[in-house]
N, C-alpha and C. Protein backbone atom coordinates (compact mmCIF):
# COMPACT_ATOMS: atom_id res chain seq x y z
N LEU A 1 0.82 -1.21 0.00
CA LEU A 1 0.00 0.00 0.00
C LEU A 1 0.85 1.26 0.00
N VAL A 2 2.01 1.19 0.62
CA VAL A 2 2.84 2.39 0.74
C VAL A 2 3.36 2.83 -0.62
N GLN A 3 3.69 1.89 -1.51
CA GLN A 3 4.25 2.23 -2.81
C GLN A 3 3.18 2.44 -3.88
N ALA A 4 1.94 2.12 -3.59
CA ALA A 4 0.87 2.25 -4.58
C ALA A 4 0.51 3.71 -4.81
N ASP A 5 -0.06 4.00 -5.99
CA ASP A 5 -0.54 5.35 -6.28
C ASP A 5 -1.70 5.71 -5.36
N LEU A 6 -2.55 4.75 -5.11
CA LEU A 6 -3.69 4.95 -4.21
C LEU A 6 -3.85 3.69 -3.38
N GLY A 7 -3.75 3.85 -2.07
CA GLY A 7 -3.93 2.73 -1.17
C GLY A 7 -5.30 2.78 -0.53
N VAL A 8 -6.06 1.70 -0.67
CA VAL A 8 -7.40 1.61 -0.10
C VAL A 8 -7.40 0.45 0.88
N ALA A 9 -7.83 0.72 2.11
CA ALA A 9 -7.91 -0.33 3.12
C ALA A 9 -9.33 -0.43 3.63
N ILE A 10 -9.70 -1.62 4.04
CA ILE A 10 -11.01 -1.83 4.65
C ILE A 10 -10.86 -1.58 6.14
N GLY A 11 -11.82 -0.86 6.71
CA GLY A 11 -11.74 -0.45 8.11
C GLY A 11 -11.48 -1.58 9.08
N ALA A 12 -11.92 -2.77 8.75
CA ALA A 12 -11.71 -3.92 9.63
C ALA A 12 -10.37 -4.58 9.38
N GLY A 13 -9.53 -3.99 8.55
CA GLY A 13 -8.23 -4.58 8.22
C GLY A 13 -7.22 -4.40 9.33
N THR A 14 -6.01 -4.82 9.05
CA THR A 14 -4.95 -4.71 10.04
C THR A 14 -4.58 -3.25 10.26
N ASP A 15 -4.00 -2.97 11.41
CA ASP A 15 -3.61 -1.60 11.74
C ASP A 15 -2.57 -1.07 10.76
N VAL A 16 -1.67 -1.94 10.31
CA VAL A 16 -0.63 -1.51 9.37
C VAL A 16 -1.27 -1.09 8.05
N ALA A 17 -2.23 -1.86 7.56
CA ALA A 17 -2.90 -1.53 6.30
C ALA A 17 -3.68 -0.24 6.42
N VAL A 18 -4.41 -0.09 7.53
CA VAL A 18 -5.20 1.12 7.74
C VAL A 18 -4.30 2.34 7.87
N GLU A 19 -3.17 2.17 8.55
CA GLU A 19 -2.24 3.29 8.78
C GLU A 19 -1.57 3.74 7.50
N SER A 20 -1.27 2.82 6.59
CA SER A 20 -0.55 3.19 5.38
C SER A 20 -1.47 3.53 4.21
N ALA A 21 -2.76 3.33 4.36
CA ALA A 21 -3.70 3.58 3.26
C ALA A 21 -4.01 5.06 3.12
N ASP A 22 -4.28 5.48 1.88
CA ASP A 22 -4.73 6.84 1.62
C ASP A 22 -6.20 6.99 1.94
N VAL A 23 -6.97 5.92 1.71
CA VAL A 23 -8.41 5.92 1.94
C VAL A 23 -8.76 4.67 2.73
N VAL A 24 -9.61 4.84 3.74
CA VAL A 24 -10.07 3.70 4.53
C VAL A 24 -11.57 3.57 4.35
N LEU A 25 -12.02 2.39 3.90
CA LEU A 25 -13.44 2.12 3.74
C LEU A 25 -14.01 1.71 5.09
N VAL A 26 -14.82 2.56 5.68
CA VAL A 26 -15.36 2.30 7.01
C VAL A 26 -16.40 1.19 6.98
N LYS A 27 -17.26 1.19 5.95
CA LYS A 27 -18.36 0.22 5.89
C LYS A 27 -17.93 -1.12 5.30
N SER A 28 -16.70 -1.26 4.93
CA SER A 28 -16.18 -2.51 4.35
C SER A 28 -16.96 -2.93 3.11
N ASP A 29 -17.41 -1.97 2.33
CA ASP A 29 -18.15 -2.25 1.10
C ASP A 29 -17.24 -1.97 -0.09
N PRO A 30 -16.83 -2.99 -0.82
CA PRO A 30 -15.91 -2.77 -1.95
C PRO A 30 -16.48 -1.87 -3.05
N ARG A 31 -17.80 -1.75 -3.12
CA ARG A 31 -18.40 -0.87 -4.13
C ARG A 31 -18.06 0.60 -3.87
N ASP A 32 -17.63 0.90 -2.65
CA ASP A 32 -17.25 2.28 -2.34
C ASP A 32 -15.98 2.70 -3.06
N VAL A 33 -15.22 1.74 -3.58
CA VAL A 33 -14.03 2.09 -4.37
C VAL A 33 -14.45 2.88 -5.60
N ALA A 34 -15.57 2.51 -6.21
CA ALA A 34 -16.08 3.26 -7.36
C ALA A 34 -16.45 4.68 -6.95
N ALA A 35 -17.01 4.84 -5.75
CA ALA A 35 -17.34 6.18 -5.26
C ALA A 35 -16.08 7.00 -5.04
N ILE A 36 -15.03 6.37 -4.55
CA ILE A 36 -13.75 7.07 -4.36
C ILE A 36 -13.22 7.58 -5.70
N LEU A 37 -13.28 6.72 -6.71
CA LEU A 37 -12.80 7.12 -8.04
C LEU A 37 -13.65 8.24 -8.63
N GLY A 38 -14.97 8.17 -8.43
CA GLY A 38 -15.85 9.23 -8.92
C GLY A 38 -15.57 10.56 -8.24
N LEU A 39 -15.37 10.50 -6.93
CA LEU A 39 -15.05 11.73 -6.19
C LEU A 39 -13.70 12.29 -6.61
N SER A 40 -12.74 11.42 -6.88
CA SER A 40 -11.43 11.92 -7.31
C SER A 40 -11.53 12.56 -8.70
N ARG A 41 -12.36 12.01 -9.58
CA ARG A 41 -12.57 12.64 -10.89
C ARG A 41 -13.23 14.01 -10.75
N ALA A 42 -14.24 14.08 -9.88
CA ALA A 42 -14.92 15.36 -9.65
C ALA A 42 -13.96 16.39 -9.06
N THR A 43 -13.10 15.95 -8.16
CA THR A 43 -12.11 16.84 -7.56
C THR A 43 -11.13 17.35 -8.61
N TYR A 44 -10.68 16.46 -9.48
CA TYR A 44 -9.77 16.86 -10.54
C TYR A 44 -10.42 17.88 -11.48
N ARG A 45 -11.68 17.62 -11.87
CA ARG A 45 -12.39 18.58 -12.73
C ARG A 45 -12.50 19.94 -12.04
N LYS A 46 -12.78 19.94 -10.74
CA LYS A 46 -12.90 21.20 -10.01
C LYS A 46 -11.56 21.92 -9.96
N MET A 47 -10.47 21.18 -9.80
CA MET A 47 -9.14 21.80 -9.81
C MET A 47 -8.85 22.44 -11.15
N VAL A 48 -9.22 21.77 -12.24
CA VAL A 48 -9.00 22.32 -13.58
C VAL A 48 -9.83 23.58 -13.77
N GLN A 49 -11.09 23.57 -13.31
CA GLN A 49 -11.94 24.76 -13.40
C GLN A 49 -11.30 25.93 -12.66
N ASN A 50 -10.83 25.68 -11.44
CA ASN A 50 -10.21 26.75 -10.65
C ASN A 50 -8.92 27.24 -11.30
N LEU A 51 -8.16 26.33 -11.90
CA LEU A 51 -6.93 26.73 -12.57
C LEU A 51 -7.24 27.61 -13.78
N ILE A 52 -8.25 27.23 -14.55
CA ILE A 52 -8.64 28.04 -15.72
C ILE A 52 -9.10 29.42 -15.27
N TRP A 53 -9.93 29.46 -14.22
CA TRP A 53 -10.41 30.75 -13.71
C TRP A 53 -9.23 31.62 -13.26
N ALA A 54 -8.33 31.04 -12.48
CA ALA A 54 -7.21 31.82 -11.94
C ALA A 54 -6.29 32.30 -13.06
N THR A 55 -6.08 31.46 -14.07
CA THR A 55 -5.22 31.86 -15.19
C THR A 55 -5.86 33.00 -15.98
N ALA A 56 -7.14 32.89 -16.26
CA ALA A 56 -7.83 33.95 -16.99
C ALA A 56 -7.83 35.25 -16.19
N TYR A 57 -8.11 35.13 -14.89
CA TYR A 57 -8.11 36.31 -14.04
C TYR A 57 -6.74 36.98 -14.05
N ASN A 58 -5.69 36.20 -13.85
CA ASN A 58 -4.35 36.76 -13.79
C ASN A 58 -3.90 37.32 -15.14
N ALA A 59 -4.36 36.72 -16.23
CA ALA A 59 -4.01 37.24 -17.56
C ALA A 59 -4.57 38.63 -17.78
N VAL A 60 -5.69 38.94 -17.13
CA VAL A 60 -6.30 40.26 -17.25
C VAL A 60 -5.84 41.19 -16.14
N ALA A 61 -5.85 40.70 -14.91
CA ALA A 61 -5.64 41.57 -13.75
C ALA A 61 -4.19 42.03 -13.58
N ILE A 62 -3.24 41.17 -13.84
CA ILE A 62 -1.84 41.56 -13.63
C ILE A 62 -1.42 42.68 -14.58
N PRO A 63 -1.70 42.59 -15.88
CA PRO A 63 -1.36 43.72 -16.74
C PRO A 63 -2.10 45.01 -16.35
N MET A 64 -3.36 44.87 -15.93
CA MET A 64 -4.09 46.07 -15.51
C MET A 64 -3.47 46.68 -14.26
N ALA A 65 -3.07 45.84 -13.31
CA ALA A 65 -2.45 46.36 -12.09
C ALA A 65 -1.08 46.96 -12.40
N ALA A 66 -0.42 46.47 -13.45
CA ALA A 66 0.88 47.01 -13.83
C ALA A 66 0.75 48.33 -14.58
N GLY A 67 -0.46 48.69 -14.98
CA GLY A 67 -0.67 49.99 -15.61
C GLY A 67 -0.76 49.96 -17.11
N ILE A 68 -1.08 48.82 -17.69
CA ILE A 68 -1.16 48.73 -19.16
C ILE A 68 -2.26 49.63 -19.72
N THR A 69 -3.26 49.93 -18.92
CA THR A 69 -4.36 50.79 -19.38
C THR A 69 -4.14 52.25 -19.02
N PHE A 70 -2.94 52.59 -18.61
CA PHE A 70 -2.65 53.97 -18.20
C PHE A 70 -2.86 54.95 -19.35
N GLY A 71 -2.54 54.55 -20.56
CA GLY A 71 -2.69 55.43 -21.72
C GLY A 71 -4.14 55.80 -22.00
N THR A 72 -5.07 54.98 -21.57
CA THR A 72 -6.49 55.26 -21.79
C THR A 72 -7.08 56.11 -20.68
N GLY A 73 -6.29 56.39 -19.66
CA GLY A 73 -6.78 57.19 -18.55
C GLY A 73 -7.31 56.36 -17.39
N PHE A 74 -7.35 55.05 -17.56
CA PHE A 74 -7.82 54.18 -16.48
C PHE A 74 -6.62 53.65 -15.72
N LEU A 75 -6.58 53.95 -14.45
CA LEU A 75 -5.50 53.47 -13.59
C LEU A 75 -6.11 52.78 -12.39
N MET A 76 -5.76 51.54 -12.20
CA MET A 76 -6.31 50.77 -11.09
C MET A 76 -5.55 51.11 -9.81
N THR A 77 -6.30 51.52 -8.81
CA THR A 77 -5.68 51.83 -7.52
C THR A 77 -5.38 50.53 -6.79
N PRO A 78 -4.44 50.55 -5.85
CA PRO A 78 -4.14 49.34 -5.09
C PRO A 78 -5.36 48.79 -4.34
N ALA A 79 -6.24 49.68 -3.88
CA ALA A 79 -7.43 49.22 -3.16
C ALA A 79 -8.36 48.43 -4.09
N VAL A 80 -8.53 48.91 -5.30
CA VAL A 80 -9.39 48.21 -6.27
C VAL A 80 -8.75 46.87 -6.65
N ALA A 81 -7.44 46.86 -6.83
CA ALA A 81 -6.74 45.61 -7.15
C ALA A 81 -6.90 44.60 -6.02
N ALA A 82 -6.85 45.07 -4.77
CA ALA A 82 -7.03 44.18 -3.62
C ALA A 82 -8.44 43.61 -3.57
N VAL A 83 -9.43 44.42 -3.91
CA VAL A 83 -10.81 43.94 -3.93
C VAL A 83 -10.98 42.87 -5.02
N PHE A 84 -10.42 43.12 -6.20
CA PHE A 84 -10.50 42.12 -7.28
C PHE A 84 -9.78 40.83 -6.90
N MET A 85 -8.63 40.95 -6.25
CA MET A 85 -7.89 39.77 -5.83
C MET A 85 -8.68 38.98 -4.79
N SER A 86 -9.29 39.68 -3.85
CA SER A 86 -10.11 39.01 -2.84
C SER A 86 -11.32 38.34 -3.48
N ALA A 87 -11.94 39.01 -4.43
CA ALA A 87 -13.09 38.42 -5.12
C ALA A 87 -12.69 37.15 -5.87
N SER A 88 -11.52 37.16 -6.48
CA SER A 88 -11.05 35.97 -7.18
C SER A 88 -10.86 34.81 -6.22
N THR A 89 -10.28 35.08 -5.07
CA THR A 89 -10.08 34.04 -4.06
C THR A 89 -11.41 33.49 -3.57
N ILE A 90 -12.37 34.37 -3.36
CA ILE A 90 -13.70 33.94 -2.90
C ILE A 90 -14.38 33.08 -3.96
N ILE A 91 -14.26 33.47 -5.22
CA ILE A 91 -14.88 32.69 -6.30
C ILE A 91 -14.28 31.28 -6.37
N VAL A 92 -12.96 31.18 -6.24
CA VAL A 92 -12.31 29.86 -6.26
C VAL A 92 -12.76 29.03 -5.06
N ALA A 93 -12.86 29.64 -3.89
CA ALA A 93 -13.29 28.91 -2.69
C ALA A 93 -14.74 28.44 -2.80
N ILE A 94 -15.60 29.29 -3.32
CA ILE A 94 -17.01 28.90 -3.49
C ILE A 94 -17.12 27.77 -4.52
N ASN A 95 -16.36 27.88 -5.60
CA ASN A 95 -16.38 26.83 -6.61
C ASN A 95 -15.93 25.49 -6.01
N ALA A 96 -14.92 25.52 -5.16
CA ALA A 96 -14.46 24.28 -4.52
C ALA A 96 -15.50 23.72 -3.57
N GLN A 97 -16.31 24.57 -2.95
CA GLN A 97 -17.34 24.10 -2.03
C GLN A 97 -18.43 23.30 -2.74
N PHE A 98 -18.55 23.45 -4.04
CA PHE A 98 -19.54 22.67 -4.78
C PHE A 98 -19.23 21.18 -4.75
N LEU A 99 -18.02 20.80 -4.36
CA LEU A 99 -17.70 19.38 -4.22
C LEU A 99 -18.52 18.74 -3.10
N ARG A 100 -18.99 19.53 -2.16
CA ARG A 100 -19.82 18.98 -1.09
C ARG A 100 -21.13 18.42 -1.63
N ARG A 101 -21.53 18.86 -2.81
CA ARG A 101 -22.78 18.38 -3.41
C ARG A 101 -22.58 17.08 -4.18
N TYR A 102 -21.35 16.58 -4.22
CA TYR A 102 -21.07 15.36 -4.97
C TYR A 102 -21.83 14.19 -4.35
N ARG A 103 -22.51 13.46 -5.19
CA ARG A 103 -23.20 12.24 -4.77
C ARG A 103 -22.84 11.15 -5.77
N ARG A 104 -22.55 10.00 -5.26
CA ARG A 104 -22.21 8.91 -6.17
C ARG A 104 -23.47 8.41 -6.86
N ASN A 105 -23.30 7.90 -8.05
CA ASN A 105 -24.43 7.35 -8.81
C ASN A 105 -24.76 5.96 -8.29
N GLY A 106 -26.04 5.70 -8.12
CA GLY A 106 -26.45 4.37 -7.71
C GLY A 106 -26.88 4.25 -6.34
C-alpha cells in the first residue's frame, strides 16, 4: 500500500494496512471504491476549473495592475486591485465548495 498510487484499506483490516492507506473504507463495502474514483474525478475537474479561472483572471488583472491601461486614462488603484484579488479568491473557494454536493451514482 505504501508504494501504490492509491492505497485503499477496509476499516476492519490490520492496523498496518489502515495506517498506510490513503483511503479507509469504514463500511467494508468494496463498491465504495467506485465512489472514491468518482469523487477523485470530480475533484480533478474542479481543480481544472479553478486553474482556468485563476489563469484567466491573472491574464487580465496583472497587466491592468501594472498599468497597461494607463494610456487610456484608467489606472487601477491598489485598493481596487485588492478587492479584485479578494473576489477571485472567494470565487475559487465557493467553486471548490460545490464538491460537497457530490453524490455517487447508484
